[in-house]
């Protein structure tokens, strides 16, 4: 009996697909796991600021930045060496006139050594000279960049005009500094740049002030909470977008009739931190943080416009509420995304909308994550999301980070587990919570298991266990998750292969987590390239940007 032609073709294609797959299933092998639980984590009162990777997290306040000047983007072959030297001196003079000291960044230093060099010199920001020339005009943009995480605090602009005469390399060109004046000494055929535009004192001061400041926001479960910063009252909560000098500070929360609460915080320049005080006697209300990644969407909560994300709402009576993210379009509020959230008494909830977030493991995305675990776990975002342990032996369970809740839609999640190494490491899980259902990719050395926890089941066996046929140094071990809102299906991928499908009804809230577990605690960053995208919202945003 012969197979029909179409069935033969199907098996040939199936065989070809499996032969080209990047993963290989481990036949007859399964692993078991408890259902992940996101436990509330209570941070230590005094934060540990020791960090070998980020010297800008300091134990002392720093009021004035240390500057370095980089001419790496100032190509010698494109500019006459005398003009190059003249323009460099102009920038230095502009800084010196304002009283700033600076260090030249050695031109021969390799890119991967700049961070180490900056730490040795305690450099806060690097000024990158980026000139361009069109005929007789030279323009130079000078962005001011964080020496550790490449955040730009701002930029200044210079503009010069060259004289009409040509300049030959044989001509003599010397720069004379007399008092506060720079002059070019040349022969008759030479020309030198004439300044048309240079940064003002306030431009320099504004940028450098930002480079030594962070931003803090204080919220509480009661609006009569008074906040004191370093011993001085700064008003009642909520206090938003408050610039604060980098370094250590003391914060006290107080309200009538209860014992004040005092914490010690460390602020890193360029970071935004949020602090929340929940009082024990506020037992009947809830609080909610509504954010978006990126920020800047209008937030409507329970029919009322609250402002732009991020918004912190307290003293909310328990119940079900609608949340809408909107954009202003030709005078109207167009709904960007919407969903509902339930709040119980004393509940603190976070809802976020990562409509496009492609660097969810970096420090500037720390507001997306919440910590989870028990004592002995010390979370850190310095400079990437990492795991570390303050004790040699941990209580068995899950430790790590989880996100705020976000809405179901046509969304895509992707990331990569790092390639296995010779070091013995603990298990790492990437967990997705969809309503009451939970799913987890779990990596243990070279093996990747996938679990589905349905309903109230506390344990589950893996759907299957796979190994990657080849460790790709660049792509590492990728996974991907896609939804089809119309069909109500979630597609789960590992490598280049779909490994599972699951259904959902309605529009349940989602949450993701990165957890480590077991006696061998995972140290370092277990994931890379983590990204969440709502393709439809990204298209809407693109149209909004172009309107």
Protein backbone atom coordinates (compact mmCIF):
# COMPACT_ATOMS: atom_id res chain seq x y z
CA UNK A 1 0.00 0.00 0.00
CA UNK A 2 1.51 3.34 -1.05
CA UNK A 3 1.18 6.69 0.69
CA UNK A 4 -0.67 9.43 -1.21
CA UNK A 5 1.73 11.92 -2.78
CA UNK A 6 0.69 14.80 -0.50
CA UNK A 7 1.38 12.73 2.65
CA UNK A 8 4.82 11.75 1.35
CA UNK A 9 5.52 15.43 0.67
CA UNK A 10 4.34 16.32 4.17
CA UNK A 11 6.72 13.83 5.84
CA UNK A 12 9.60 14.97 3.65
CA UNK A 13 9.00 18.60 4.64
CA UNK A 14 8.59 17.62 8.29
CA UNK A 15 11.86 15.68 8.15
CA UNK A 16 13.60 18.62 6.54
CA UNK A 17 12.21 21.00 9.19
CA UNK A 18 13.47 18.90 12.08
CA UNK A 19 16.87 18.44 10.45
CA UNK A 20 17.20 22.24 10.13
CA UNK A 21 15.96 22.94 13.65
CA UNK A 22 18.38 24.57 16.07
CA UNK A 23 17.13 22.42 18.96
CA UNK A 24 16.88 18.72 19.64
CA UNK A 25 14.28 17.10 21.89
CA UNK A 26 15.46 14.75 24.63
CA UNK A 27 13.26 11.69 24.04
CA UNK A 28 11.71 10.05 27.09
CA UNK A 29 13.11 12.68 29.46
CA UNK A 30 11.11 15.09 31.64
CA UNK A 31 11.77 17.43 34.55
CA UNK A 32 9.48 18.58 37.36
CA UNK A 33 8.98 22.04 38.82
CA UNK A 34 6.88 23.80 41.43
CA UNK A 35 4.65 26.59 40.20
CA UNK A 36 6.59 29.87 40.38
CA UNK A 37 5.38 32.27 43.05
CA UNK A 38 6.19 35.95 42.91
CA UNK A 39 6.89 36.72 46.57
CA UNK A 40 6.96 40.20 47.98
CA UNK A 41 10.49 41.39 48.70
CA UNK A 42 11.27 43.77 51.54
CA UNK A 43 14.41 45.78 50.76
CA UNK A 44 17.07 46.53 53.31
CA UNK A 45 16.90 49.93 55.01
CA UNK A 46 20.46 50.84 54.06
CA UNK A 47 21.25 50.13 50.42
CA UNK A 48 24.54 48.54 49.49
CA UNK A 49 26.22 50.84 46.95
CA UNK A 50 29.43 48.89 46.37
CA UNK A 51 29.68 48.24 42.65
CA UNK A 52 32.79 47.37 40.68
CA UNK A 53 31.08 48.08 37.36
CA UNK A 54 29.64 51.52 38.07
CA UNK A 55 31.89 53.95 39.90
CA UNK A 56 29.17 56.62 39.63
CA UNK A 57 27.17 54.89 42.38
CA UNK A 58 28.94 56.72 45.20
CA UNK A 59 29.00 56.68 48.96
CA UNK A 60 29.62 60.46 48.99
CA UNK A 61 27.78 63.30 47.28
CA UNK A 62 29.58 64.86 44.33
CA UNK A 63 28.60 68.41 43.36
CA UNK A 64 30.78 68.96 40.28
CA UNK A 65 31.49 66.44 37.50
CA UNK A 66 34.92 65.36 36.31
CA UNK A 67 35.08 65.83 32.53
CA UNK A 68 36.96 63.99 29.80
CA UNK A 69 37.26 65.17 26.19
CA UNK A 70 37.27 62.59 23.39
CA UNK A 71 38.44 63.48 19.89
CA UNK A 72 37.92 59.94 18.57
CA UNK A 73 35.13 61.23 16.25
CA UNK A 74 37.39 64.02 15.00
CA UNK A 75 39.10 62.28 12.01
CA UNK A 76 42.58 63.60 11.32
CA UNK A 77 42.38 62.78 7.63
CA UNK A 78 39.34 65.06 7.14
CA UNK A 79 40.76 68.17 8.81
CA UNK A 80 43.97 70.12 8.53
CA UNK A 81 45.97 69.36 11.68
CA UNK A 82 46.24 73.09 12.50
CA UNK A 83 42.48 73.61 12.22
CA UNK A 84 41.95 70.47 14.28
CA UNK A 85 44.21 71.77 17.04
CA UNK A 86 42.61 75.22 16.89
CA UNK A 87 39.07 73.88 17.25
CA UNK A 88 40.08 71.56 20.08
CA UNK A 89 41.60 74.53 21.90
CA UNK A 90 38.40 76.50 21.35
CA UNK A 91 36.37 73.81 23.14
CA UNK A 92 38.88 73.60 25.97
CA UNK A 93 38.93 77.37 26.34
CA UNK A 94 35.12 77.50 26.43
CA UNK A 95 35.16 75.04 29.33
CA UNK A 96 38.09 76.66 31.16
CA UNK A 97 36.39 80.07 30.97
CA UNK A 98 33.46 78.58 32.92
CA UNK A 99 35.78 77.12 35.55
CA UNK A 100 35.56 73.43 34.52
CA UNK A 101 38.56 71.13 34.62
CA UNK A 102 38.93 68.33 32.10
CA UNK A 103 41.09 65.37 31.16
CA UNK A 104 41.94 64.43 27.55
CA UNK A 105 40.79 60.90 26.74
CA UNK A 106 43.85 59.16 25.24
CA UNK A 107 43.27 58.65 21.51
CA UNK A 108 45.05 55.30 21.56
CA UNK A 109 42.78 53.79 24.26
CA UNK A 110 40.60 50.91 23.10
CA UNK A 111 36.82 51.18 23.35
CA UNK A 112 36.48 48.30 25.83
CA UNK A 113 39.03 49.98 28.11
CA UNK A 114 37.32 53.38 28.35
CA UNK A 115 35.11 52.34 31.29
CA UNK A 116 38.13 51.08 33.24
CA UNK A 117 40.05 54.28 32.45
CA UNK A 118 37.07 56.43 33.50
CA UNK A 119 36.85 54.59 36.80
CA UNK A 120 40.57 55.08 37.48
CA UNK A 121 40.25 58.85 36.83
CA UNK A 122 36.80 59.14 38.48
CA UNK A 123 35.44 60.60 35.22
CA UNK A 124 31.73 61.38 35.27
CA UNK A 125 31.04 62.45 31.69
CA UNK A 126 32.79 62.32 28.34
CA UNK A 127 32.49 65.14 25.82
CA UNK A 128 32.59 63.71 22.31
CA UNK A 129 33.71 66.19 19.64
CA UNK A 130 31.75 65.56 16.43
CA UNK A 131 32.69 68.10 13.73
CA UNK A 132 31.59 68.38 10.11
CA UNK A 133 32.66 70.77 7.35
CA UNK A 134 30.68 72.11 4.40
CA UNK A 135 32.69 74.40 2.14
CA UNK A 136 33.80 77.31 4.34
CA UNK A 137 31.67 76.38 7.38
CA UNK A 138 32.64 74.07 10.24
CA UNK A 139 29.97 72.80 12.63
CA UNK A 140 30.67 70.84 15.80
CA UNK A 141 28.19 69.08 18.04
CA UNK A 142 29.49 68.11 21.48
CA UNK A 143 27.22 65.58 23.26
CA UNK A 144 27.89 65.08 26.97
CA UNK A 145 27.79 61.32 27.67
CA UNK A 146 27.69 59.35 30.93
CA UNK A 147 31.05 57.60 31.28
CA UNK A 148 29.41 54.30 32.31
CA UNK A 149 26.04 53.76 30.62
CA UNK A 150 26.28 56.09 27.58
CA UNK A 151 23.26 58.19 28.65
CA UNK A 152 23.33 61.61 26.99
CA UNK A 153 22.71 64.53 29.34
CA UNK A 154 22.56 67.07 26.54
CA UNK A 155 24.76 68.63 23.87
CA UNK A 156 26.17 72.00 22.82
CA UNK A 157 26.97 73.39 19.38
CA UNK A 158 29.86 75.38 17.90
CA UNK A 159 30.02 77.01 14.49
CA UNK A 160 32.94 78.57 12.67
CA UNK A 161 33.51 80.15 9.26
CA UNK A 162 36.80 79.75 7.43
CA UNK A 163 38.39 82.73 5.70
CA UNK A 164 38.42 82.98 1.88
CA UNK A 165 42.14 82.33 1.41
CA UNK A 166 43.39 78.76 0.99
CA UNK A 167 45.59 77.11 3.53
CA UNK A 168 48.62 75.09 2.52
CA UNK A 169 50.30 72.59 4.78
CA UNK A 170 53.60 74.46 4.37
CA UNK A 171 52.11 77.63 5.86
CA UNK A 172 52.96 78.45 9.43
CA UNK A 173 50.01 78.28 11.83
CA UNK A 174 50.41 79.16 15.48
CA UNK A 175 47.87 79.88 18.17
CA UNK A 176 48.51 82.74 20.58
CA UNK A 177 46.58 83.04 23.83
CA UNK A 178 46.57 86.54 25.36
CA UNK A 179 44.42 86.91 28.45
CA UNK A 180 40.97 85.69 27.43
CA UNK A 181 41.65 85.93 23.71
CA UNK A 182 42.74 83.22 21.22
CA UNK A 183 44.46 84.44 18.04
CA UNK A 184 45.83 82.62 15.00
CA UNK A 185 49.24 83.79 13.77
CA UNK A 186 49.49 83.01 10.07
CA UNK A 187 51.15 84.09 6.84
CA UNK A 188 49.11 86.01 4.28
CA UNK A 189 47.84 82.92 2.44
CA UNK A 190 46.46 81.27 5.58
CA UNK A 191 42.97 81.47 7.00
CA UNK A 192 41.60 80.64 10.42
CA UNK A 193 38.11 79.89 11.70
CA UNK A 194 35.90 82.74 12.84
CA UNK A 195 33.50 81.93 15.69
CA UNK A 196 29.83 82.30 14.76
CA UNK A 197 28.26 80.23 17.55
CA UNK A 198 29.45 78.88 20.89
CA UNK A 199 27.66 77.60 24.00
CA UNK A 200 26.64 80.05 26.69
CA UNK A 201 27.49 79.75 30.36
CA UNK A 202 23.94 78.64 31.15
CA UNK A 203 24.06 75.88 28.50
CA UNK A 204 27.19 74.33 30.00
CA UNK A 205 25.88 74.77 33.56
CA UNK A 206 22.49 73.19 32.76
CA UNK A 207 24.02 70.07 31.23
CA UNK A 208 26.68 69.54 33.90
CA UNK A 209 24.12 70.08 36.64
CA UNK A 210 22.06 67.21 35.19
CA UNK A 211 25.15 65.01 35.08
CA UNK A 212 25.46 65.02 38.88
CA UNK A 213 21.74 64.80 39.65
CA UNK A 214 19.14 62.08 39.75
CA UNK A 215 15.38 62.43 40.02
CA UNK A 216 13.24 61.12 42.87
CA UNK A 217 9.51 60.79 43.48
CA UNK A 218 7.86 60.12 46.84
CA UNK A 219 4.40 58.59 47.26
CA UNK A 220 2.44 57.14 50.16
CA UNK A 221 -0.86 55.53 51.04
CA UNK A 222 -1.99 58.76 52.79
CA UNK A 223 -1.95 62.24 51.28
CA UNK A 224 -1.14 63.82 54.68
CA UNK A 225 2.30 62.17 54.69
CA UNK A 226 5.11 64.70 55.11
CA UNK A 227 8.51 63.98 53.54
CA UNK A 228 11.78 65.26 54.97
CA UNK A 229 14.97 65.02 52.88
CA UNK A 230 18.28 65.22 54.75
CA UNK A 231 16.50 66.76 57.74
CA UNK A 232 14.48 69.39 55.82
CA UNK A 233 10.76 69.13 55.08
CA UNK A 234 10.01 69.17 51.34
CA UNK A 235 6.21 68.88 51.50
CA UNK A 236 3.40 66.34 51.40
CA UNK A 237 3.17 63.34 49.09
CA UNK A 238 2.96 63.00 46.21
CA UNK A 239 6.26 64.71 45.40
CA UNK A 240 7.20 64.24 41.76
CA UNK A 241 10.19 64.91 39.52
CA UNK A 242 12.42 66.26 42.29
CA UNK A 243 16.07 66.79 41.21
CA UNK A 244 18.49 65.52 43.84
CA UNK A 245 22.27 65.45 44.08
CA UNK A 246 23.87 62.05 43.44
CA UNK A 247 25.07 60.15 46.50
CA UNK A 248 23.58 59.15 49.88
CA UNK A 249 20.55 60.85 51.47
CA UNK A 250 18.22 60.28 54.40
CA UNK A 251 14.44 60.35 53.93
CA UNK A 252 11.81 60.50 56.65
CA UNK A 253 8.08 59.89 56.17
CA UNK A 254 5.76 61.14 58.90
CA UNK A 255 2.05 61.69 59.51
CA UNK A 256 -0.02 62.57 62.57
CA UNK A 257 -0.55 59.86 65.16
CA UNK A 258 2.06 57.31 63.99
CA UNK A 259 5.78 56.72 64.42
CA UNK A 260 7.85 58.31 61.60
CA UNK A 261 9.63 56.00 59.15
CA UNK A 262 13.23 56.73 58.11
CA UNK A 263 15.16 55.19 55.23
CA UNK A 264 18.56 55.80 53.68
CA UNK A 265 18.83 55.97 49.90
CA UNK A 266 21.55 56.31 47.31
CA UNK A 267 20.86 58.22 44.11
CA UNK A 268 22.85 57.75 40.93
CA UNK A 269 23.17 60.62 38.48
CA UNK A 270 20.82 60.25 35.50
CA UNK A 271 18.48 57.82 37.29
CA UNK A 272 14.86 58.24 38.34
CA UNK A 273 13.90 56.52 41.61
CA UNK A 274 10.48 56.11 43.19
CA UNK A 275 9.79 55.54 46.88
CA UNK A 276 6.49 54.54 48.45
CA UNK A 277 5.44 54.58 52.11
CA UNK A 278 2.50 52.39 53.12
CA UNK A 279 1.10 53.04 56.59
CA UNK A 280 -0.30 50.15 58.61
CA UNK A 281 -3.48 52.06 59.51
CA UNK A 282 -4.41 52.57 55.84
CA UNK A 283 -6.09 49.19 55.72
CA UNK A 284 -9.09 49.94 53.52
CA UNK A 285 -7.50 51.57 50.49
CA UNK A 286 -5.29 50.44 47.62
CA UNK A 287 -2.60 52.10 45.54
CA UNK A 288 -1.63 51.80 41.89
CA UNK A 289 1.28 52.81 39.69
CA UNK A 290 0.41 53.24 36.01
CA UNK A 291 3.38 53.42 33.68
CA UNK A 292 4.45 52.90 30.11
CA UNK A 293 7.69 52.01 28.37
CA UNK A 294 8.56 54.45 26.89
CA UNK A 295 6.87 57.10 29.03
CA UNK A 296 4.74 59.96 27.80
CA UNK A 297 1.27 58.49 27.18
CA UNK A 298 -1.78 60.21 28.67
CA UNK A 299 -3.32 58.14 31.47
CA UNK A 300 -7.08 58.02 32.06
CA UNK A 301 -8.07 56.15 35.23
CA UNK A 302 -11.73 55.49 36.01
CA UNK A 303 -12.74 58.09 33.41
CA UNK A 304 -10.46 60.84 34.76
CA UNK A 305 -7.34 62.15 33.01
CA UNK A 306 -4.46 61.83 35.50
CA UNK A 307 -1.64 63.21 33.35
CA UNK A 308 1.15 61.45 31.49
CA UNK A 309 2.76 58.16 32.48
CA UNK A 310 4.15 57.39 34.99
CA UNK A 311 1.28 58.05 37.43
CA UNK A 312 1.07 57.01 41.10
CA UNK A 313 -2.39 56.85 42.66
CA UNK A 314 -3.09 56.24 46.35
CA UNK A 315 -6.09 56.03 48.69
CA UNK A 316 -8.15 54.18 46.06
CA UNK A 317 -11.34 52.48 47.23
CA UNK A 318 -11.17 48.77 46.26
CA UNK A 319 -12.97 47.74 43.08
CA UNK A 320 -12.63 47.23 39.33
CA UNK A 321 -11.31 50.08 37.21
CA UNK A 322 -10.73 50.88 33.55
CA UNK A 323 -7.38 52.24 32.42
CA UNK A 324 -6.85 53.94 29.10
CA UNK A 325 -3.64 55.14 27.50
CA UNK A 326 -4.34 57.91 25.00
CA UNK A 327 -2.64 60.17 22.46
CA UNK A 328 -3.80 63.62 21.40
CA UNK A 329 -4.72 63.55 17.72
CA UNK A 330 -5.95 66.69 15.99
CA UNK A 331 -7.54 67.98 19.18
CA UNK A 332 -9.06 64.65 20.26
CA UNK A 333 -7.90 61.95 22.70
CA UNK A 334 -7.37 58.78 20.66
CA UNK A 335 -7.29 55.57 22.72
CA UNK A 336 -3.83 54.07 22.36
CA UNK A 337 -4.53 51.01 24.52
CA UNK A 338 -6.97 50.06 27.26
CA UNK A 339 -7.67 47.43 29.86
CA UNK A 340 -9.12 46.81 33.32
CA UNK A 341 -7.60 46.19 36.74
CA UNK A 342 -9.02 44.92 40.05
CA UNK A 343 -7.77 46.36 43.35
CA UNK A 344 -8.24 44.84 46.80
CA UNK A 345 -7.81 46.56 50.20
CA UNK A 346 -4.16 47.30 51.04
CA UNK A 347 -3.09 46.09 47.62
CA UNK A 348 -0.22 47.81 45.83
CA UNK A 349 -0.32 47.11 42.13
CA UNK A 350 1.74 48.13 39.14
CA UNK A 351 0.35 48.25 35.60
CA UNK A 352 2.62 49.12 32.73
CA UNK A 353 2.37 49.17 28.95
CA UNK A 354 5.65 48.17 27.27
CA UNK A 355 4.42 49.08 23.79
CA UNK A 356 8.02 49.06 22.64
CA UNK A 357 10.85 48.14 24.99
CA UNK A 358 14.01 46.62 23.58
CA UNK A 359 16.45 46.96 26.47
CA UNK A 360 14.50 45.59 29.42
CA UNK A 361 17.64 44.39 31.23
CA UNK A 362 19.39 47.76 31.36
CA UNK A 363 19.40 50.22 34.30
CA UNK A 364 17.10 52.73 32.62
CA UNK A 365 14.36 50.07 32.54
CA UNK A 366 14.57 49.25 36.25
CA UNK A 367 11.13 50.83 36.84
CA UNK A 368 9.61 48.01 34.79
CA UNK A 369 10.74 45.41 37.33
CA UNK A 370 9.84 44.52 40.90
CA UNK A 371 11.98 42.35 43.15
CA UNK A 372 10.85 39.01 44.54
CA UNK A 373 12.33 36.54 46.98
CA UNK A 374 13.32 35.99 50.59
CA UNK A 375 16.14 37.22 52.79
CA UNK A 376 19.51 36.50 51.29
CA UNK A 377 18.58 37.92 47.91
CA UNK A 378 20.08 41.24 46.86
CA UNK A 379 18.82 42.52 43.49
CA UNK A 380 20.89 44.88 41.40
CA UNK A 381 20.61 46.86 38.18
CA UNK A 382 24.23 47.98 38.14
CA UNK A 383 24.80 48.17 35.23
CA UNK A 384 22.58 45.27 34.01
CA UNK A 385 19.92 43.16 35.67
CA UNK A 386 21.99 40.70 37.70
CA UNK A 387 21.55 38.20 40.48
CA UNK A 388 23.69 38.03 43.57
CA UNK A 389 23.50 36.30 46.93
CA UNK A 390 24.40 37.76 50.32
CA UNK A 391 24.48 34.32 51.98
CA UNK A 392 26.33 31.14 51.11
CA UNK A 393 23.22 28.97 51.40
CA UNK A 394 19.74 29.89 50.22
CA UNK A 395 16.32 28.67 51.20
CA UNK A 396 15.06 26.57 48.22
CA UNK A 397 12.61 28.56 46.11
CA UNK A 398 12.43 31.25 43.45
CA UNK A 399 14.40 34.48 43.60
CA UNK A 400 14.46 37.21 41.02
CA UNK A 401 12.52 39.96 39.31
CA UNK A 402 9.00 40.27 37.96
CA UNK A 403 7.36 42.99 35.91
CA UNK A 404 4.25 45.02 36.48
CA UNK A 405 1.04 43.72 34.92
CA UNK A 406 0.46 44.57 31.28
CA UNK A 407 -2.49 44.19 28.93
CA UNK A 408 -3.20 41.37 26.52
CA UNK A 409 -2.96 42.39 22.88
CA UNK A 410 -1.15 41.34 19.72
CA UNK A 411 2.24 41.37 21.38
CA UNK A 412 5.66 39.82 20.90
CA UNK A 413 8.22 38.90 23.54
CA UNK A 414 11.71 37.74 22.68
CA UNK A 415 15.04 37.24 24.38
CA UNK A 416 18.01 34.89 24.69
CA UNK A 417 19.44 32.70 27.40
CA UNK A 418 23.20 32.99 27.56
CA UNK A 419 25.23 30.04 26.31
CA UNK A 420 26.21 27.44 28.92
CA UNK A 421 29.65 27.69 30.47
CA UNK A 422 31.88 25.40 32.46
CA UNK A 423 30.88 27.07 35.71
CA UNK A 424 28.24 25.35 37.79
CA UNK A 425 25.21 27.62 37.88
CA UNK A 426 21.71 27.47 39.31
CA UNK A 427 18.57 27.08 37.27
CA UNK A 428 17.19 30.13 35.49
CA UNK A 429 13.51 30.54 34.55
CA UNK A 430 11.71 32.99 32.31
CA UNK A 431 8.12 32.95 33.55
CA UNK A 432 4.96 34.27 31.90
CA UNK A 433 1.79 34.63 33.97
CA UNK A 434 -1.42 34.98 31.91
CA UNK A 435 -4.39 35.37 34.27
CA UNK A 436 -4.41 32.19 36.39
CA UNK A 437 -2.18 30.28 33.94
CA UNK A 438 1.61 30.20 34.26
CA UNK A 439 4.26 29.14 31.75
CA UNK A 440 8.02 28.83 32.18
CA UNK A 441 11.14 28.26 30.14
CA UNK A 442 13.73 26.82 32.54
CA UNK A 443 17.42 26.47 31.74
CA UNK A 444 19.73 24.15 33.64
CA UNK A 445 23.19 24.12 32.05
CA UNK A 446 22.59 22.84 28.48
CA UNK A 447 18.99 21.70 28.96
CA UNK A 448 15.92 23.86 28.34
CA UNK A 449 12.57 22.68 29.76
CA UNK A 450 9.13 24.16 29.15
CA UNK A 451 6.30 24.02 31.73
CA UNK A 452 2.60 24.84 31.73
CA UNK A 453 0.92 25.33 35.12
CA UNK A 454 -2.85 25.29 34.75
CA UNK A 455 -5.22 26.63 37.38
CA UNK A 456 -4.30 25.76 40.96
CA UNK A 457 -1.83 22.96 40.18
CA UNK A 458 1.25 23.50 42.34
CA UNK A 459 3.55 21.16 40.39
CA UNK A 460 3.93 20.20 36.75
CA UNK A 461 6.11 18.03 34.55
CA UNK A 462 7.82 19.60 31.58
CA UNK A 463 6.10 19.49 28.20
CA UNK A 464 9.50 18.46 26.83
CA UNK A 465 13.23 19.01 27.33
CA UNK A 466 15.51 20.28 24.55
CA UNK A 467 19.17 20.97 23.95
CA UNK A 468 20.56 23.37 21.37
CA UNK A 469 22.55 21.62 18.67
CA UNK A 470 25.03 24.49 18.51
CA UNK A 471 25.89 27.32 20.85
CA UNK A 472 25.75 30.52 18.84
CA UNK A 473 28.07 33.14 20.42
CA UNK A 474 26.06 35.98 18.88
CA UNK A 475 22.42 34.82 19.05
CA UNK A 476 22.98 32.69 22.18
CA UNK A 477 19.87 30.54 22.87
CA UNK A 478 16.84 32.53 21.70
CA UNK A 479 13.17 32.15 22.61
CA UNK A 480 10.10 34.01 21.39
CA UNK A 481 6.43 34.39 22.35
CA UNK A 482 3.69 35.69 20.04
CA UNK A 483 -0.05 36.22 20.51
CA UNK A 484 -2.96 36.20 18.11
CA UNK A 485 -5.65 38.21 19.88
CA UNK A 486 -8.33 37.36 17.32
CA UNK A 487 -7.83 33.60 17.76
CA UNK A 488 -6.98 33.82 21.45
CA UNK A 489 -3.77 31.79 21.01
CA UNK A 490 -0.25 32.21 22.38
CA UNK A 491 2.59 30.67 20.37
CA UNK A 492 5.76 29.61 22.19
CA UNK A 493 9.08 29.26 20.34
CA UNK A 494 12.52 27.99 21.24
CA UNK A 495 15.34 28.52 18.75
CA UNK A 496 13.67 28.52 15.33
CA UNK A 497 10.95 26.05 16.32
CA UNK A 498 7.43 26.42 17.70
CA UNK A 499 7.22 24.16 20.75
CA UNK A 500 3.75 24.89 22.18
CA UNK A 501 0.38 26.60 21.70
CA UNK A 502 -1.94 27.73 24.47
CA UNK A 503 -5.35 29.39 24.47
CA UNK A 504 -6.70 32.27 26.52
CA UNK A 505 -10.16 33.80 26.84
CA UNK A 506 -11.05 37.42 27.41
CA UNK A 507 -8.22 39.89 28.04
CA UNK A 508 -6.30 38.69 31.11
CA UNK A 509 -3.45 40.72 32.54
CA UNK A 510 0.05 39.43 31.83
CA UNK A 511 3.19 39.46 33.94
CA UNK A 512 6.70 38.19 33.24
CA UNK A 513 9.51 37.23 35.59
CA UNK A 514 13.16 36.23 35.57
CA UNK A 515 13.88 33.82 38.40
CA UNK A 516 16.76 31.75 39.68
CA UNK A 517 16.45 28.83 42.06
CA UNK A 518 18.22 25.92 43.70
CA UNK A 519 21.24 25.58 45.97
CA UNK A 520 23.61 26.78 43.25
CA UNK A 521 22.67 30.44 43.02
CA UNK A 522 22.91 31.99 39.56
CA UNK A 523 25.24 34.97 39.52
CA UNK A 524 25.44 37.52 36.74
CA UNK A 525 22.97 38.34 33.99
CA UNK A 526 21.08 35.18 32.88
CA UNK A 527 19.35 36.75 29.86
CA UNK A 528 20.12 39.14 27.05
CA UNK A 529 18.28 41.04 24.31
CA UNK A 530 14.94 40.96 26.14
CA UNK A 531 12.29 42.88 24.18
CA UNK A 532 8.51 43.36 24.28
CA UNK A 533 6.63 44.88 21.35
CA UNK A 534 3.00 45.65 20.58
CA UNK A 535 3.31 45.88 16.76
CA UNK A 536 -0.07 47.60 16.27
CA UNK A 537 0.76 50.25 18.87
CA UNK A 538 4.21 50.82 17.39
CA UNK A 539 2.56 51.55 14.02
CA UNK A 540 0.15 53.94 15.74
CA UNK A 541 3.06 55.66 17.48
CA UNK A 542 4.91 56.01 14.17
CA UNK A 543 1.90 57.71 12.58
CA UNK A 544 1.57 59.98 15.61
CA UNK A 545 5.26 60.98 15.32
CA UNK A 546 4.83 61.88 11.62
CA UNK A 547 1.59 63.83 11.90
